[in-house]
Amino acid sequence: MIAATALGQPIVRSAAETAAFKRENPCPSTGLRRGACPGWQIDHVRPLCAGGLDHRSNMGWLNVDDHRFKTLVDARECRKLRKLANTPAR
């Protein structure tokens, strides 16, 4: 499945931005600036599907459980946005 924005455009992700985020924000569990970060994941504060940028300024660390929950909420909101975007104006 390919993720899409609310307007149906494909989401493009940048490994370089993720690496830059890690260099600027060390892993909360290990303190390292690269490699694995056990128990933590990088989250887009404003979801990509809702127009958020894939830029380090829109990224933050979340623990795995919180990230899983936020992803569910974000996906629900993005489905609503897509539905609104595809509804004809009256």
N, C-alpha and C. Protein backbone atom coordinates (compact mmCIF):
# COMPACT_ATOMS: atom_id res chain seq x y z
N MET A 1 0.85 -1.17 0.00
CA MET A 1 0.00 0.00 0.00
C MET A 1 0.89 1.24 0.00
N ILE A 2 0.59 2.17 -0.84
CA ILE A 2 1.33 3.42 -0.92
C ILE A 2 0.56 4.47 -0.14
N ALA A 3 1.24 5.13 0.77
CA ALA A 3 0.60 6.19 1.54
C ALA A 3 0.40 7.41 0.66
N ALA A 4 -0.64 8.17 0.99
CA ALA A 4 -0.94 9.36 0.19
C ALA A 4 -1.38 10.50 1.09
N THR A 5 -1.23 11.71 0.60
CA THR A 5 -1.70 12.88 1.34
C THR A 5 -3.22 12.93 1.23
N ALA A 6 -3.81 13.88 1.93
CA ALA A 6 -5.27 14.04 1.88
C ALA A 6 -5.74 14.32 0.46
N LEU A 7 -4.89 14.90 -0.35
CA LEU A 7 -5.27 15.19 -1.73
C LEU A 7 -4.90 14.07 -2.68
N GLY A 8 -4.41 12.95 -2.15
CA GLY A 8 -4.11 11.79 -2.96
C GLY A 8 -2.72 11.78 -3.57
N GLN A 9 -1.89 12.75 -3.23
CA GLN A 9 -0.53 12.78 -3.77
C GLN A 9 0.34 11.82 -2.97
N PRO A 10 1.28 11.13 -3.63
CA PRO A 10 2.14 10.20 -2.90
C PRO A 10 3.05 10.94 -1.92
N ILE A 11 3.33 10.28 -0.82
CA ILE A 11 4.21 10.85 0.20
C ILE A 11 5.64 10.44 -0.11
N VAL A 12 6.51 11.42 -0.17
CA VAL A 12 7.92 11.17 -0.43
C VAL A 12 8.68 11.35 0.87
N ARG A 13 9.49 10.35 1.23
CA ARG A 13 10.26 10.41 2.46
C ARG A 13 11.74 10.54 2.16
N SER A 14 12.45 11.20 3.06
CA SER A 14 13.87 11.45 2.87
C SER A 14 14.69 10.81 3.98
N ALA A 15 15.53 9.83 3.61
CA ALA A 15 16.43 9.21 4.58
C ALA A 15 17.43 10.25 5.10
N ALA A 16 17.78 11.21 4.27
CA ALA A 16 18.73 12.25 4.67
C ALA A 16 18.14 13.11 5.80
N GLU A 17 16.86 13.42 5.73
CA GLU A 17 16.22 14.21 6.79
C GLU A 17 16.15 13.42 8.09
N THR A 18 15.86 12.12 7.99
CA THR A 18 15.82 11.28 9.18
C THR A 18 17.20 11.24 9.83
N ALA A 19 18.24 11.07 9.03
CA ALA A 19 19.60 11.05 9.56
C ALA A 19 19.96 12.40 10.19
N ALA A 20 19.56 13.49 9.55
CA ALA A 20 19.83 14.83 10.09
C ALA A 20 19.11 15.02 11.42
N PHE A 21 17.87 14.52 11.53
CA PHE A 21 17.13 14.60 12.78
C PHE A 21 17.89 13.87 13.88
N LYS A 22 18.37 12.66 13.58
CA LYS A 22 19.10 11.87 14.58
C LYS A 22 20.38 12.57 15.02
N ARG A 23 21.06 13.21 14.08
CA ARG A 23 22.29 13.93 14.45
C ARG A 23 22.00 15.09 15.40
N GLU A 24 20.88 15.75 15.20
CA GLU A 24 20.51 16.90 16.03
C GLU A 24 19.81 16.50 17.33
N ASN A 25 19.21 15.30 17.35
CA ASN A 25 18.41 14.84 18.49
C ASN A 25 18.79 13.41 18.83
N PRO A 26 19.76 13.21 19.70
CA PRO A 26 20.21 11.85 20.02
C PRO A 26 19.07 10.97 20.54
N CYS A 27 19.23 9.70 20.37
CA CYS A 27 18.25 8.71 20.84
C CYS A 27 18.04 8.86 22.35
N PRO A 28 16.78 8.91 22.80
CA PRO A 28 16.51 9.05 24.24
C PRO A 28 17.00 7.86 25.08
N SER A 29 17.07 6.67 24.50
CA SER A 29 17.47 5.51 25.30
C SER A 29 18.97 5.24 25.29
N THR A 30 19.67 5.61 24.22
CA THR A 30 21.10 5.30 24.15
C THR A 30 21.98 6.54 24.14
N GLY A 31 21.41 7.67 23.78
CA GLY A 31 22.19 8.89 23.67
C GLY A 31 23.02 8.97 22.40
N LEU A 32 22.86 7.98 21.52
CA LEU A 32 23.63 7.95 20.28
C LEU A 32 22.94 8.75 19.19
N ARG A 33 23.72 9.22 18.24
CA ARG A 33 23.19 10.05 17.15
C ARG A 33 22.97 9.27 15.86
N ARG A 34 23.22 7.98 15.89
CA ARG A 34 22.92 7.14 14.72
C ARG A 34 22.74 5.71 15.19
N GLY A 35 22.17 4.89 14.30
CA GLY A 35 21.91 3.50 14.65
C GLY A 35 20.55 3.34 15.29
N ALA A 36 20.32 2.14 15.81
CA ALA A 36 19.03 1.79 16.40
C ALA A 36 18.77 2.58 17.67
N CYS A 37 17.49 2.74 17.98
CA CYS A 37 17.07 3.44 19.19
C CYS A 37 15.99 2.58 19.86
N PRO A 38 16.40 1.59 20.66
CA PRO A 38 15.45 0.65 21.25
C PRO A 38 14.35 1.34 22.05
N GLY A 39 13.11 0.98 21.73
CA GLY A 39 11.96 1.49 22.47
C GLY A 39 11.44 2.83 21.99
N TRP A 40 12.11 3.43 21.01
CA TRP A 40 11.73 4.75 20.51
C TRP A 40 11.65 4.75 19.00
N GLN A 41 10.77 5.60 18.47
CA GLN A 41 10.61 5.75 17.03
C GLN A 41 10.49 7.22 16.68
N ILE A 42 10.87 7.55 15.47
CA ILE A 42 10.75 8.93 15.00
C ILE A 42 9.33 9.13 14.46
N ASP A 43 8.71 10.20 14.91
CA ASP A 43 7.33 10.52 14.52
C ASP A 43 7.31 11.87 13.81
N HIS A 44 6.41 11.99 12.85
CA HIS A 44 6.17 13.29 12.22
C HIS A 44 5.09 13.98 13.04
N VAL A 45 5.43 15.13 13.63
CA VAL A 45 4.51 15.84 14.51
C VAL A 45 3.20 16.14 13.77
N ARG A 46 3.30 16.79 12.62
CA ARG A 46 2.13 16.95 11.75
C ARG A 46 2.25 15.84 10.71
N PRO A 47 1.29 14.94 10.66
CA PRO A 47 1.39 13.78 9.77
C PRO A 47 1.62 14.17 8.31
N LEU A 48 2.41 13.35 7.63
CA LEU A 48 2.68 13.59 6.22
C LEU A 48 1.39 13.58 5.41
N CYS A 49 0.47 12.69 5.77
CA CYS A 49 -0.79 12.59 5.02
C CYS A 49 -1.67 13.81 5.21
N ALA A 50 -1.36 14.63 6.23
CA ALA A 50 -2.14 15.85 6.47
C ALA A 50 -1.36 17.08 6.04
N GLY A 51 -0.35 16.88 5.22
CA GLY A 51 0.40 18.01 4.70
C GLY A 51 1.66 18.36 5.48
N GLY A 52 2.00 17.54 6.49
CA GLY A 52 3.23 17.78 7.24
C GLY A 52 4.45 17.53 6.36
N LEU A 53 5.51 18.23 6.66
CA LEU A 53 6.73 18.10 5.88
C LEU A 53 7.58 16.94 6.39
N ASP A 54 8.28 16.29 5.47
CA ASP A 54 9.25 15.28 5.85
C ASP A 54 10.58 16.00 6.07
N HIS A 55 10.58 16.80 7.12
CA HIS A 55 11.74 17.63 7.46
C HIS A 55 12.01 17.45 8.95
N ARG A 56 13.25 17.54 9.33
CA ARG A 56 13.61 17.31 10.74
C ARG A 56 12.89 18.26 11.70
N SER A 57 12.45 19.42 11.23
CA SER A 57 11.71 20.34 12.10
C SER A 57 10.30 19.81 12.42
N ASN A 58 9.85 18.80 11.68
CA ASN A 58 8.53 18.20 11.89
C ASN A 58 8.66 16.80 12.48
N MET A 59 9.81 16.47 13.05
CA MET A 59 10.04 15.14 13.61
C MET A 59 10.29 15.23 15.11
N GLY A 60 9.94 14.15 15.78
CA GLY A 60 10.21 14.06 17.21
C GLY A 60 10.27 12.60 17.62
N TRP A 61 10.86 12.33 18.77
CA TRP A 61 10.92 10.97 19.29
C TRP A 61 9.65 10.66 20.07
N LEU A 62 9.11 9.47 19.85
CA LEU A 62 7.99 8.95 20.66
C LEU A 62 8.32 7.52 21.05
N ASN A 63 7.91 7.12 22.27
CA ASN A 63 8.12 5.71 22.60
C ASN A 63 7.19 4.87 21.73
N VAL A 64 7.50 3.60 21.60
CA VAL A 64 6.80 2.73 20.65
C VAL A 64 5.29 2.71 20.88
N ASP A 65 4.85 2.58 22.12
CA ASP A 65 3.40 2.52 22.40
C ASP A 65 2.69 3.82 22.04
N ASP A 66 3.29 4.95 22.42
CA ASP A 66 2.68 6.24 22.09
C ASP A 66 2.66 6.47 20.58
N HIS A 67 3.71 6.03 19.90
CA HIS A 67 3.77 6.20 18.45
C HIS A 67 2.70 5.36 17.76
N ARG A 68 2.50 4.15 18.24
CA ARG A 68 1.47 3.27 17.68
C ARG A 68 0.09 3.92 17.81
N PHE A 69 -0.22 4.47 19.00
CA PHE A 69 -1.50 5.12 19.22
C PHE A 69 -1.65 6.36 18.34
N LYS A 70 -0.61 7.20 18.29
CA LYS A 70 -0.68 8.42 17.49
C LYS A 70 -0.86 8.09 16.01
N THR A 71 -0.22 7.03 15.54
CA THR A 71 -0.37 6.63 14.15
C THR A 71 -1.82 6.25 13.84
N LEU A 72 -2.47 5.55 14.76
CA LEU A 72 -3.88 5.20 14.56
C LEU A 72 -4.75 6.45 14.47
N VAL A 73 -4.52 7.39 15.37
CA VAL A 73 -5.29 8.64 15.37
C VAL A 73 -5.01 9.43 14.09
N ASP A 74 -3.73 9.54 13.72
CA ASP A 74 -3.36 10.27 12.50
C ASP A 74 -4.01 9.65 11.27
N ALA A 75 -3.99 8.32 11.17
CA ALA A 75 -4.58 7.65 10.01
C ALA A 75 -6.08 7.93 9.92
N ARG A 76 -6.75 7.92 11.05
CA ARG A 76 -8.19 8.21 11.08
C ARG A 76 -8.46 9.64 10.59
N GLU A 77 -7.67 10.58 11.09
CA GLU A 77 -7.85 11.97 10.68
C GLU A 77 -7.55 12.16 9.19
N CYS A 78 -6.54 11.49 8.70
CA CYS A 78 -6.19 11.62 7.28
C CYS A 78 -7.26 11.01 6.38
N ARG A 79 -7.89 9.93 6.83
CA ARG A 79 -9.01 9.37 6.06
C ARG A 79 -10.14 10.38 5.96
N LYS A 80 -10.42 11.08 7.06
CA LYS A 80 -11.46 12.11 7.05
C LYS A 80 -11.10 13.23 6.08
N LEU A 81 -9.84 13.65 6.10
CA LEU A 81 -9.39 14.71 5.19
C LEU A 81 -9.53 14.29 3.73
N ARG A 82 -9.15 13.03 3.43
CA ARG A 82 -9.27 12.53 2.05
C ARG A 82 -10.73 12.50 1.63
N LYS A 83 -11.59 12.08 2.55
CA LYS A 83 -13.02 12.02 2.23
C LYS A 83 -13.56 13.42 1.94
N LEU A 84 -13.17 14.39 2.77
CA LEU A 84 -13.61 15.77 2.54
C LEU A 84 -13.06 16.32 1.21
N ALA A 85 -11.82 16.00 0.91
CA ALA A 85 -11.21 16.49 -0.33
C ALA A 85 -11.88 15.90 -1.57
N ASN A 86 -12.46 14.70 -1.42
CA ASN A 86 -13.08 14.04 -2.57
C ASN A 86 -14.59 14.27 -2.64
N THR A 87 -15.13 15.03 -1.69
CA THR A 87 -16.56 15.34 -1.69
C THR A 87 -16.81 16.55 -2.59
N PRO A 88 -17.72 16.42 -3.57
CA PRO A 88 -17.99 17.56 -4.45
C PRO A 88 -18.61 18.73 -3.67
N ALA A 89 -18.26 19.94 -4.07
CA ALA A 89 -18.82 21.14 -3.44
C ALA A 89 -20.28 21.29 -3.85
N ARG A 90 -21.07 21.86 -2.98
CA ARG A 90 -22.50 22.03 -3.28
C ARG A 90 -22.78 23.42 -3.72
